[in-house]
Protein backbone atom coordinates (compact mmCIF):
# COMPACT_ATOMS: atom_id res chain seq x y z
CA MET A 1 -35.48 -6.51 -10.82
CA ASP A 2 -35.34 -10.43 -9.12
CA ASP A 3 -32.45 -11.65 -11.32
CA PHE A 4 -30.12 -8.48 -10.43
CA ILE A 5 -29.43 -9.46 -6.91
CA ASP A 6 -26.82 -11.96 -6.63
CA ASP A 7 -27.45 -13.81 -3.59
CA GLU A 8 -25.19 -16.78 -4.04
CA GLY A 9 -22.06 -14.62 -4.40
CA GLN A 10 -18.61 -15.72 -3.88
CA PRO A 11 -16.74 -17.92 -1.10
CA GLN A 12 -15.03 -15.14 1.23
CA GLU A 13 -11.61 -17.31 0.26
CA GLU A 14 -12.19 -16.47 -3.46
CA ILE A 15 -12.65 -12.64 -2.30
CA SER A 16 -10.04 -12.82 -0.01
CA LYS A 17 -7.94 -14.21 -3.10
CA HIS A 18 -9.03 -11.19 -5.36
CA ILE A 19 -8.05 -8.46 -2.92
CA ARG A 20 -4.55 -10.42 -2.48
CA GLU A 21 -3.66 -10.25 -6.43
CA ILE A 22 -5.19 -6.81 -6.72
CA PHE A 23 -4.09 -4.67 -3.77
CA GLY A 24 -0.74 -7.01 -3.09
CA TYR A 25 -2.38 -7.33 0.77
CA ASP A 26 -0.13 -10.12 3.31
CA ARG A 27 -2.02 -11.35 5.44
CA ASN A 28 0.74 -12.74 7.53
CA LYS A 29 2.62 -9.30 7.52
CA TYR A 30 0.08 -8.37 10.40
CA ASN A 31 0.27 -11.79 12.61
CA ASP A 32 2.29 -9.99 15.23
CA GLU A 33 0.22 -7.57 15.76
CA SER A 34 -2.38 -7.84 18.32
CA ASP A 35 -6.31 -7.68 18.05
CA TYR A 36 -7.21 -5.01 19.41
CA ALA A 37 -3.93 -2.49 17.72
CA LEU A 38 -5.58 -3.89 14.29
CA ARG A 39 -9.33 -3.13 15.31
CA TYR A 40 -8.64 0.64 16.41
CA MET A 41 -5.50 0.67 13.82
CA GLU A 42 -3.02 2.02 16.32
CA SER A 43 0.42 2.45 15.77
CA SER A 44 3.17 2.68 18.28
CA TRP A 45 5.74 5.56 18.43
CA LYS A 46 8.54 3.99 16.94
CA GLU A 47 6.20 2.45 14.24
CA GLN A 48 5.48 5.79 13.14
CA GLN A 49 9.08 7.10 13.05
CA LYS A 50 9.90 4.12 10.89
CA GLU A 51 7.35 5.12 8.86
CA GLU A 52 8.26 8.82 8.86
CA ALA A 53 11.95 7.54 8.08
CA ARG A 54 10.80 5.47 4.79
CA SER A 55 8.35 8.11 3.78
CA LEU A 56 11.65 10.16 3.72
CA ARG A 57 14.21 8.18 2.16
CA LEU A 58 11.38 7.49 -0.67
CA GLY A 59 10.60 11.51 -1.30
CA VAL A 60 14.48 12.19 -1.56
CA GLN A 61 14.56 9.27 -4.13
CA GLU A 62 12.02 10.82 -6.08
CA ASP A 63 13.32 14.33 -5.95
CA LEU A 64 16.79 12.59 -6.88
CA GLU A 65 15.04 11.15 -10.31
CA GLU A 66 12.97 14.18 -11.08
CA LEU A 67 16.21 16.05 -10.68
CA ARG A 68 18.16 13.91 -12.64
CA ARG A 69 14.83 13.62 -15.88
CA GLU A 70 15.19 17.48 -15.66
CA GLU A 71 18.42 17.62 -16.64
CA GLU A 72 18.29 14.94 -18.89
CA GLU A 73 16.23 17.00 -20.74
CA LEU A 74 17.84 20.18 -20.68
CA LYS A 75 20.44 18.14 -22.51
CA ARG A 76 18.61 17.08 -24.83
CA LYS A 77 17.29 20.90 -25.58
CA ARG A 78 20.90 22.04 -26.12
């Protein structure tokens, strides 16, 4: 089992590069955040309201798209 463990690993930069590619994570997006906020992942009331508005907007958009697809499906059945 000694050959199973890879002690060498990849450099941190290489790992970070893969994470950015997979998840689309942009470290620069969080440059304005304080270390405290990042460490404890706290957000302000304004940030929460902004996220709520974004979620509402996306939800309405998805509902409208779904409604449009259902209407198209009904037209095809007729």
